[in-house]
Amino acid sequence: METARILIVDDNPEIREIIHILLEGEGFDIKEAKNGQTALELTRKFTFDLIILDIMMPGLNGYQTCVEIRKNSNAPVLFLSARTKDSDKTLGFSSGGDDYLAKPFSYNELISRAKALIRRYQVYQGKDSSDLSTPAPGGVSQKEPLIFHHLKIDEFKEEVTSGDVPLVLTDIEYSMLVLLVKHRHQVFSAQHLYESVWNEPYYYGANNTVMVHIRNLRRKIEKDPKNPTLIKTIWGKGYRCD
C-alpha cells in the first residue's frame, strides 16, 4: 500500500507540531495548514487520505472548511476539538465529517482512529488490492453490480450510479449503503450499523452519528429525501432498505 498523506489543519502551531511528529513517526506523509483557507488550497493541489481538522479557527471555522472540502474531496475528515457537546458532534457530521475526537486526546487513540479511517478510505478507493474481488480473465470483476431501484452499485470499482450519473459518496456512506442493500428488508439498529460500518464498539451518542450519516446518504440517493423510499426508518428499531 502506498504511503498515506495526511493534512493537519489547526491554528495552534504547537498542536500541529505534536500531531505532525506523532503521525510522521508512523510513516505517514504530513502536510500542515494553519487555517481553513490554506487547507482548501492544499486539497486542490494534493490528494489526501485523511484530513485532521480543528473547529475553532479564525476566518473559516472547521465546519465551514469541511463543507468546502466536500465539494472536491471525499477524504475522511477527523474533527479534533475541545467542543464535546452532542450538538457539536452532530454539526460536525452534518458538515461532512467522518469522526470526532475530543481534546485533550490520547496519542494512541488518535493514531488508532487515523489508521482506521485511512484503511477504510484506501479500500474504498481501491488502493488495497487484498480487499477487492479477484478479477475474472480480461480484467472484468466476477461480481455482478447490485441493482437497487434506480441505483447501480459496482463493488469492484466501488462506484454508485443513479441512472448514468455517478454519485459522490464518502466511504462511510458507501459502506452503509452496501450493507443495507445486501440485506434488503432486514432492520438494522443504530448499534448494529455503527459496529458493522465503523468497526468500533457502540458508544453513547453513536446513534446521532448514524442518524446524521443516514440523512446525508438520503440526500444523495433519494429522489425526495424528506420522504425516503429507499432507506426507511423503522421507528424504535432502526433502518432498512426495501
C-alpha atoms as a PDB file:
ATOM      1  CA  MET A   1       0.000   0.000   0.000  1.00  0.00           C
ATOM      2  CA  GLU A   2       1.319   3.446  -0.912  1.00  0.00           C
ATOM      3  CA  THR A   3       2.220   5.943   1.803  1.00  0.00           C
ATOM      4  CA  ALA A   4      -0.885   7.718   3.080  1.00  0.00           C
ATOM      5  CA  ARG A   5      -0.890  11.521   3.056  1.00  0.00           C
ATOM      6  CA  ILE A   6      -2.487  13.395   5.971  1.00  0.00           C
ATOM      7  CA  LEU A   7      -3.420  17.070   6.207  1.00  0.00           C
ATOM      8  CA  ILE A   8      -3.363  18.632   9.695  1.00  0.00           C
ATOM      9  CA  VAL A   9      -5.452  21.817   9.961  1.00  0.00           C
ATOM     10  CA  ASP A  10      -5.123  23.775  13.214  1.00  0.00           C
ATOM     11  CA  ASP A  11      -4.341  27.399  14.025  1.00  0.00           C
ATOM     12  CA  ASN A  12      -2.234  26.309  17.003  1.00  0.00           C
ATOM     13  CA  PRO A  13       1.341  25.612  15.760  1.00  0.00           C
ATOM     14  CA  GLU A  14       2.199  23.550  18.849  1.00  0.00           C
ATOM     15  CA  ILE A  15      -0.699  21.170  18.280  1.00  0.00           C
ATOM     16  CA  ARG A  16       0.187  20.881  14.600  1.00  0.00           C
ATOM     17  CA  GLU A  17       3.789  20.072  15.503  1.00  0.00           C
ATOM     18  CA  ILE A  18       2.809  17.410  18.049  1.00  0.00           C
ATOM     19  CA  ILE A  19       0.420  15.674  15.662  1.00  0.00           C
ATOM     20  CA  HIS A  20       2.908  16.018  12.790  1.00  0.00           C
ATOM     21  CA  ILE A  21       5.717  14.327  14.751  1.00  0.00           C
ATOM     22  CA  LEU A  22       3.356  11.663  16.087  1.00  0.00           C
ATOM     23  CA  LEU A  23       1.930  10.630  12.712  1.00  0.00           C
ATOM     24  CA  GLU A  24       5.148  11.079  10.756  1.00  0.00           C
ATOM     25  CA  GLY A  25       6.663   8.576  13.180  1.00  0.00           C
ATOM     26  CA  GLU A  26       4.010   6.110  11.991  1.00  0.00           C
ATOM     27  CA  GLY A  27       5.230   6.503   8.416  1.00  0.00           C
ATOM     28  CA  PHE A  28       2.641   8.957   7.074  1.00  0.00           C
ATOM     29  CA  ASP A  29       3.334  11.842   4.684  1.00  0.00           C
ATOM     30  CA  ILE A  30       2.213  15.004   6.506  1.00  0.00           C
ATOM     31  CA  LYS A  31       1.098  18.431   5.271  1.00  0.00           C
ATOM     32  CA  GLU A  32       0.026  21.312   7.521  1.00  0.00           C
ATOM     33  CA  ALA A  33      -2.390  24.230   7.259  1.00  0.00           C
ATOM     34  CA  LYS A  34      -2.809  26.992   9.826  1.00  0.00           C
ATOM     35  CA  ASN A  35      -6.320  27.949   8.708  1.00  0.00           C
ATOM     36  CA  GLY A  36      -9.255  26.821   6.600  1.00  0.00           C
ATOM     37  CA  GLN A  37      -8.335  28.812   3.511  1.00  0.00           C
ATOM     38  CA  THR A  38      -4.857  27.286   3.341  1.00  0.00           C
ATOM     39  CA  ALA A  39      -6.405  23.854   3.853  1.00  0.00           C
ATOM     40  CA  LEU A  40      -8.699  24.359   0.855  1.00  0.00           C
ATOM     41  CA  GLU A  41      -5.764  25.413  -1.302  1.00  0.00           C
ATOM     42  CA  LEU A  42      -3.841  22.287  -0.316  1.00  0.00           C
ATOM     43  CA  THR A  43      -6.795  19.964  -1.011  1.00  0.00           C
ATOM     44  CA  ARG A  44      -6.938  21.378  -4.532  1.00  0.00           C
ATOM     45  CA  LYS A  45      -3.216  20.820  -5.009  1.00  0.00           C
ATOM     46  CA  PHE A  46      -2.759  17.422  -3.324  1.00  0.00           C
ATOM     47  CA  THR A  47      -4.810  14.303  -2.695  1.00  0.00           C
ATOM     48  CA  PHE A  48      -5.159  13.265   0.931  1.00  0.00           C
ATOM     49  CA  ASP A  49      -6.102  10.036   2.665  1.00  0.00           C
ATOM     50  CA  LEU A  50      -7.099  11.821   5.870  1.00  0.00           C
ATOM     51  CA  ILE A  51      -7.763  15.392   6.991  1.00  0.00           C
ATOM     52  CA  ILE A  52      -7.476  16.196  10.706  1.00  0.00           C
ATOM     53  CA  LEU A  53      -9.468  19.364  11.225  1.00  0.00           C
ATOM     54  CA  ASP A  54      -9.751  21.721  14.171  1.00  0.00           C
ATOM     55  CA  ILE A  55     -13.100  23.508  14.626  1.00  0.00           C
ATOM     56  CA  MET A  56     -12.326  26.787  16.376  1.00  0.00           C
ATOM     57  CA  MET A  57     -10.194  28.672  13.852  1.00  0.00           C
ATOM     58  CA  PRO A  58     -10.170  32.314  12.734  1.00  0.00           C
ATOM     59  CA  GLY A  59     -11.742  33.018   9.352  1.00  0.00           C
ATOM     60  CA  LEU A  60     -13.286  29.786   8.112  1.00  0.00           C
ATOM     61  CA  ASN A  61     -14.077  27.554  11.071  1.00  0.00           C
ATOM     62  CA  GLY A  62     -13.751  23.789  10.877  1.00  0.00           C
ATOM     63  CA  TYR A  63     -17.395  23.182   9.957  1.00  0.00           C
ATOM     64  CA  GLN A  64     -17.257  25.697   7.088  1.00  0.00           C
ATOM     65  CA  THR A  65     -13.931  24.311   5.910  1.00  0.00           C
ATOM     66  CA  CYS A  66     -15.301  20.777   5.869  1.00  0.00           C
ATOM     67  CA  VAL A  67     -18.312  21.809   3.779  1.00  0.00           C
ATOM     68  CA  GLU A  68     -15.961  23.385   1.220  1.00  0.00           C
ATOM     69  CA  ILE A  69     -13.599  20.398   1.254  1.00  0.00           C
ATOM     70  CA  ARG A  70     -16.508  18.099   0.446  1.00  0.00           C
ATOM     71  CA  LYS A  71     -17.020  19.935  -2.846  1.00  0.00           C
ATOM     72  CA  ASN A  72     -13.839  18.398  -4.272  1.00  0.00           C
ATOM     73  CA  SER A  73     -12.662  15.654  -1.904  1.00  0.00           C
ATOM     74  CA  ASN A  74     -14.057  12.513  -0.293  1.00  0.00           C
ATOM     75  CA  ALA A  75     -11.069  12.076   2.013  1.00  0.00           C
ATOM     76  CA  PRO A  76     -12.184  11.197   5.553  1.00  0.00           C
ATOM     77  CA  VAL A  77     -12.293  14.130   7.953  1.00  0.00           C
ATOM     78  CA  LEU A  78     -11.450  13.670  11.625  1.00  0.00           C
ATOM     79  CA  PHE A  79     -12.593  16.628  13.700  1.00  0.00           C
ATOM     80  CA  LEU A  80     -10.312  17.414  16.617  1.00  0.00           C
ATOM     81  CA  SER A  81     -11.883  19.836  19.067  1.00  0.00           C
ATOM     82  CA  ALA A  82     -12.367  20.848  22.688  1.00  0.00           C
ATOM     83  CA  ARG A  83     -16.077  21.221  21.919  1.00  0.00           C
ATOM     84  CA  THR A  84     -17.619  17.967  23.129  1.00  0.00           C
ATOM     85  CA  LYS A  85     -21.389  18.541  23.247  1.00  0.00           C
ATOM     86  CA  ASP A  86     -23.543  16.162  21.222  1.00  0.00           C
ATOM     87  CA  SER A  87     -24.781  19.159  19.226  1.00  0.00           C
ATOM     88  CA  ASP A  88     -21.182  19.985  18.262  1.00  0.00           C
ATOM     89  CA  LYS A  89     -20.587  16.437  17.085  1.00  0.00           C
ATOM     90  CA  THR A  90     -23.851  16.351  15.159  1.00  0.00           C
ATOM     91  CA  LEU A  91     -22.919  19.606  13.409  1.00  0.00           C
ATOM     92  CA  GLY A  92     -19.535  18.121  12.560  1.00  0.00           C
ATOM     93  CA  PHE A  93     -21.082  15.055  10.944  1.00  0.00           C
ATOM     94  CA  SER A  94     -23.659  17.207   9.155  1.00  0.00           C
ATOM     95  CA  SER A  95     -20.796  19.234   7.689  1.00  0.00           C
ATOM     96  CA  GLY A  96     -19.353  16.071   6.136  1.00  0.00           C
ATOM     97  CA  GLY A  97     -17.059  14.813   8.895  1.00  0.00           C
ATOM     98  CA  ASP A  98     -16.416  11.117   9.437  1.00  0.00           C
ATOM     99  CA  ASP A  99     -15.192  11.026  13.033  1.00  0.00           C
ATOM    100  CA  TYR A 100     -14.790  13.276  16.066  1.00  0.00           C
ATOM    101  CA  LEU A 101     -12.080  13.210  18.715  1.00  0.00           C
ATOM    102  CA  ALA A 102     -12.197  15.487  21.753  1.00  0.00           C
ATOM    103  CA  LYS A 103      -9.246  17.476  23.094  1.00  0.00           C
ATOM    104  CA  PRO A 104      -7.291  16.605  25.141  1.00  0.00           C
ATOM    105  CA  PHE A 105      -6.822  13.302  23.368  1.00  0.00           C
ATOM    106  CA  SER A 106      -4.802  10.167  23.877  1.00  0.00           C
ATOM    107  CA  TYR A 107      -1.968   9.791  21.373  1.00  0.00           C
ATOM    108  CA  ASN A 108      -2.778   6.109  20.989  1.00  0.00           C
ATOM    109  CA  GLU A 109      -6.427   6.891  20.296  1.00  0.00           C
ATOM    110  CA  LEU A 110      -5.503   9.482  17.675  1.00  0.00           C
ATOM    111  CA  ILE A 111      -3.231   7.015  15.906  1.00  0.00           C
ATOM    112  CA  SER A 112      -5.801   4.211  16.002  1.00  0.00           C
ATOM    113  CA  ARG A 113      -8.599   6.483  14.731  1.00  0.00           C
ATOM    114  CA  ALA A 114      -6.373   7.838  11.959  1.00  0.00           C
ATOM    115  CA  LYS A 115      -5.306   4.380  10.819  1.00  0.00           C
ATOM    116  CA  ALA A 116      -8.884   3.063  10.849  1.00  0.00           C
ATOM    117  CA  LEU A 117     -10.170   5.965   8.740  1.00  0.00           C
ATOM    118  CA  ILE A 118      -7.289   5.682   6.287  1.00  0.00           C
ATOM    119  CA  ARG A 119      -7.686   1.919   5.977  1.00  0.00           C
ATOM    120  CA  ARG A 120     -11.388   2.208   5.138  1.00  0.00           C
ATOM    121  CA  TYR A 121     -10.757   5.036   2.697  1.00  0.00           C
ATOM    122  CA  GLN A 122      -7.944   3.285   0.840  1.00  0.00           C
ATOM    123  CA  VAL A 123     -10.035   0.139   0.472  1.00  0.00           C
ATOM    124  CA  TYR A 124     -12.885   2.317  -0.809  1.00  0.00           C
ATOM    125  CA  GLN A 125     -10.510   3.929  -3.316  1.00  0.00           C
ATOM    126  CA  GLY A 126      -9.264   0.534  -4.471  1.00  0.00           C
ATOM    127  CA  LYS A 127      -5.729   1.100  -3.175  1.00  0.00           C
ATOM    128  CA  ASP A 128      -5.724  -2.060  -1.071  1.00  0.00           C
ATOM    129  CA  SER A 129      -5.920  -4.852  -3.611  1.00  0.00           C
ATOM    130  CA  SER A 130      -6.065  -7.545  -0.928  1.00  0.00           C
ATOM    131  CA  ASP A 131      -9.603  -6.430  -0.063  1.00  0.00           C
ATOM    132  CA  LEU A 132     -11.004  -6.376  -3.585  1.00  0.00           C
ATOM    133  CA  SER A 133     -12.663  -9.133  -5.539  1.00  0.00           C
ATOM    134  CA  THR A 134     -10.391 -11.130  -7.839  1.00  0.00           C
ATOM    135  CA  PRO A 135     -10.965 -10.043 -11.441  1.00  0.00           C
ATOM    136  CA  ALA A 136     -12.051 -12.605 -13.969  1.00  0.00           C
ATOM    137  CA  PRO A 137      -9.941 -13.137 -17.120  1.00  0.00           C
ATOM    138  CA  GLY A 138      -9.736  -9.963 -19.156  1.00  0.00           C
ATOM    139  CA  GLY A 139      -9.866  -7.775 -16.070  1.00  0.00           C
ATOM    140  CA  VAL A 140     -13.669  -7.989 -15.566  1.00  0.00           C
ATOM    141  CA  SER A 141     -14.934  -8.259 -11.999  1.00  0.00           C
ATOM    142  CA  GLN A 142     -16.554 -11.560 -11.064  1.00  0.00           C
ATOM    143  CA  LYS A 143     -19.134  -9.682  -9.018  1.00  0.00           C
ATOM    144  CA  GLU A 144     -22.280  -8.554 -10.742  1.00  0.00           C
ATOM    145  CA  PRO A 145     -23.363  -4.994  -9.925  1.00  0.00           C
ATOM    146  CA  LEU A 146     -26.017  -4.639  -7.252  1.00  0.00           C
ATOM    147  CA  ILE A 147     -29.196  -3.156  -8.707  1.00  0.00           C
ATOM    148  CA  PHE A 148     -31.433  -1.372  -6.232  1.00  0.00           C
ATOM    149  CA  HIS A 149     -34.267   0.648  -7.715  1.00  0.00           C
ATOM    150  CA  HIS A 150     -32.558   3.398  -9.778  1.00  0.00           C
ATOM    151  CA  LEU A 151     -29.156   2.725  -8.199  1.00  0.00           C
ATOM    152  CA  LYS A 152     -26.356   0.527  -9.539  1.00  0.00           C
ATOM    153  CA  ILE A 153     -23.569  -0.429  -7.136  1.00  0.00           C
ATOM    154  CA  ASP A 154     -20.348  -1.707  -8.683  1.00  0.00           C
ATOM    155  CA  GLU A 155     -18.475  -3.333  -5.799  1.00  0.00           C
ATOM    156  CA  PHE A 156     -15.338  -3.929  -7.848  1.00  0.00           C
ATOM    157  CA  LYS A 157     -14.971  -0.267  -8.773  1.00  0.00           C
ATOM    158  CA  GLU A 158     -16.558   0.904  -5.503  1.00  0.00           C
ATOM    159  CA  GLU A 159     -18.893   3.124  -7.530  1.00  0.00           C
ATOM    160  CA  VAL A 160     -22.570   4.009  -7.222  1.00  0.00           C
ATOM    161  CA  THR A 161     -24.574   5.466 -10.088  1.00  0.00           C
ATOM    162  CA  SER A 162     -28.119   6.734 -10.356  1.00  0.00           C
ATOM    163  CA  GLY A 163     -29.096   6.082 -13.946  1.00  0.00           C
ATOM    164  CA  ASP A 164     -25.936   7.182 -15.754  1.00  0.00           C
ATOM    165  CA  VAL A 165     -24.986   9.757 -13.141  1.00  0.00           C
ATOM    166  CA  PRO A 166     -22.161   8.807 -10.726  1.00  0.00           C
ATOM    167  CA  LEU A 167     -22.869   9.632  -7.091  1.00  0.00           C
ATOM    168  CA  VAL A 168     -20.192  11.088  -4.848  1.00  0.00           C
ATOM    169  CA  LEU A 169     -20.368   9.140  -1.582  1.00  0.00           C
ATOM    170  CA  THR A 170     -17.961   9.098   1.320  1.00  0.00           C
ATOM    171  CA  ASP A 171     -16.544   5.697   2.277  1.00  0.00           C
ATOM    172  CA  ILE A 172     -18.858   5.580   5.317  1.00  0.00           C
ATOM    173  CA  GLU A 173     -21.915   6.340   3.185  1.00  0.00           C
ATOM    174  CA  TYR A 174     -20.871   3.752   0.597  1.00  0.00           C
ATOM    175  CA  SER A 175     -20.290   1.038   3.211  1.00  0.00           C
ATOM    176  CA  MET A 176     -23.608   1.791   4.878  1.00  0.00           C
ATOM    177  CA  LEU A 177     -25.500   1.650   1.577  1.00  0.00           C
ATOM    178  CA  VAL A 178     -23.912  -1.642   0.502  1.00  0.00           C
ATOM    179  CA  LEU A 179     -24.665  -3.244   3.869  1.00  0.00           C
ATOM    180  CA  LEU A 180     -28.332  -2.211   3.791  1.00  0.00           C
ATOM    181  CA  VAL A 181     -28.832  -3.177   0.132  1.00  0.00           C
ATOM    182  CA  LYS A 182     -27.201  -6.579   0.551  1.00  0.00           C
ATOM    183  CA  HIS A 183     -29.536  -7.297   3.473  1.00  0.00           C
ATOM    184  CA  ARG A 184     -32.689  -5.884   1.966  1.00  0.00           C
ATOM    185  CA  HIS A 185     -35.771  -5.992   4.234  1.00  0.00           C
ATOM    186  CA  GLN A 186     -33.600  -6.607   7.319  1.00  0.00           C
ATOM    187  CA  VAL A 187     -33.892  -3.983  10.043  1.00  0.00           C
ATOM    188  CA  PHE A 188     -30.547  -2.688  11.310  1.00  0.00           C
ATOM    189  CA  SER A 189     -30.449  -0.959  14.675  1.00  0.00           C
ATOM    190  CA  ALA A 190     -28.192   2.072  15.058  1.00  0.00           C
ATOM    191  CA  GLN A 191     -25.848  -0.055  17.157  1.00  0.00           C
ATOM    192  CA  HIS A 192     -25.692  -2.805  14.538  1.00  0.00           C
ATOM    193  CA  LEU A 193     -24.996  -0.281  11.777  1.00  0.00           C
ATOM    194  CA  TYR A 194     -22.335   1.535  13.772  1.00  0.00           C
ATOM    195  CA  GLU A 195     -20.465  -1.612  14.788  1.00  0.00           C
ATOM    196  CA  SER A 196     -20.690  -3.068  11.260  1.00  0.00           C
ATOM    197  CA  VAL A 197     -19.657   0.044   9.320  1.00  0.00           C
ATOM    198  CA  TRP A 198     -17.293   1.803  11.717  1.00  0.00           C
ATOM    199  CA  ASN A 199     -15.858  -1.470  13.072  1.00  0.00           C
ATOM    200  CA  GLU A 200     -15.805   0.026  16.554  1.00  0.00           C
ATOM    201  CA  PRO A 201     -17.745  -0.706  19.762  1.00  0.00           C
ATOM    202  CA  TYR A 202     -21.001   1.222  20.088  1.00  0.00           C
ATOM    203  CA  TYR A 203     -20.906   4.164  22.485  1.00  0.00           C
ATOM    204  CA  TYR A 204     -23.402   6.571  23.950  1.00  0.00           C
ATOM    205  CA  GLY A 205     -24.130   9.160  21.303  1.00  0.00           C
ATOM    206  CA  ALA A 206     -23.239   6.958  18.326  1.00  0.00           C
ATOM    207  CA  ASN A 207     -26.939   6.869  17.483  1.00  0.00           C
ATOM    208  CA  ASN A 208     -26.684  10.536  16.448  1.00  0.00           C
ATOM    209  CA  THR A 209     -23.647   9.728  14.318  1.00  0.00           C
ATOM    210  CA  VAL A 210     -25.568   7.041  12.437  1.00  0.00           C
ATOM    211  CA  MET A 211     -28.633   9.275  12.069  1.00  0.00           C
ATOM    212  CA  VAL A 212     -26.618  12.104  10.512  1.00  0.00           C
ATOM    213  CA  HIS A 213     -24.868   9.790   8.031  1.00  0.00           C
ATOM    214  CA  ILE A 214     -28.206   8.237   7.053  1.00  0.00           C
ATOM    215  CA  ARG A 215     -29.580  11.733   6.446  1.00  0.00           C
ATOM    216  CA  ASN A 216     -26.568  12.683   4.314  1.00  0.00           C
ATOM    217  CA  LEU A 217     -26.854   9.442   2.342  1.00  0.00           C
ATOM    218  CA  ARG A 218     -30.550  10.017   1.700  1.00  0.00           C
ATOM    219  CA  ARG A 219     -29.781  13.465   0.282  1.00  0.00           C
ATOM    220  CA  LYS A 220     -27.639  11.793  -2.363  1.00  0.00           C
ATOM    221  CA  ILE A 221     -29.706   8.727  -3.299  1.00  0.00           C
ATOM    222  CA  GLU A 222     -33.335   9.590  -2.618  1.00  0.00           C
ATOM    223  CA  LYS A 223     -35.488  11.463  -5.137  1.00  0.00           C
ATOM    224  CA  ASP A 224     -37.259  13.103  -2.197  1.00  0.00           C
ATOM    225  CA  PRO A 225     -35.003  12.919   0.889  1.00  0.00           C
ATOM    226  CA  LYS A 226     -37.771  14.244   3.135  1.00  0.00           C
ATOM    227  CA  ASN A 227     -39.962  11.307   2.139  1.00  0.00           C
ATOM    228  CA  PRO A 228     -37.449   8.482   1.709  1.00  0.00           C
ATOM    229  CA  THR A 229     -38.443   5.310  -0.109  1.00  0.00           C
ATOM    230  CA  LEU A 230     -35.057   3.568  -0.383  1.00  0.00           C
ATOM    231  CA  ILE A 231     -33.810   3.714   3.201  1.00  0.00           C
ATOM    232  CA  LYS A 232     -36.750   3.635   5.582  1.00  0.00           C
ATOM    233  CA  THR A 233     -36.767   4.459   9.275  1.00  0.00           C
ATOM    234  CA  ILE A 234     -38.467   1.810  11.378  1.00  0.00           C
ATOM    235  CA  TRP A 235     -39.330   3.821  14.454  1.00  0.00           C
ATOM    236  CA  GLY A 236     -37.887   2.420  17.642  1.00  0.00           C
ATOM    237  CA  LYS A 237     -35.978  -0.272  15.760  1.00  0.00           C
ATOM    238  CA  GLY A 238     -33.618   1.153  13.141  1.00  0.00           C
ATOM    239  CA  TYR A 239     -33.312   1.311   9.350  1.00  0.00           C
ATOM    240  CA  ARG A 240     -33.887  -0.946   6.387  1.00  0.00           C
ATOM    241  CA  CYS A 241     -33.802  -0.969   2.598  1.00  0.00           C
ATOM    242  CA  ASP A 242     -36.943  -2.190   0.790  1.00  0.00           C
END
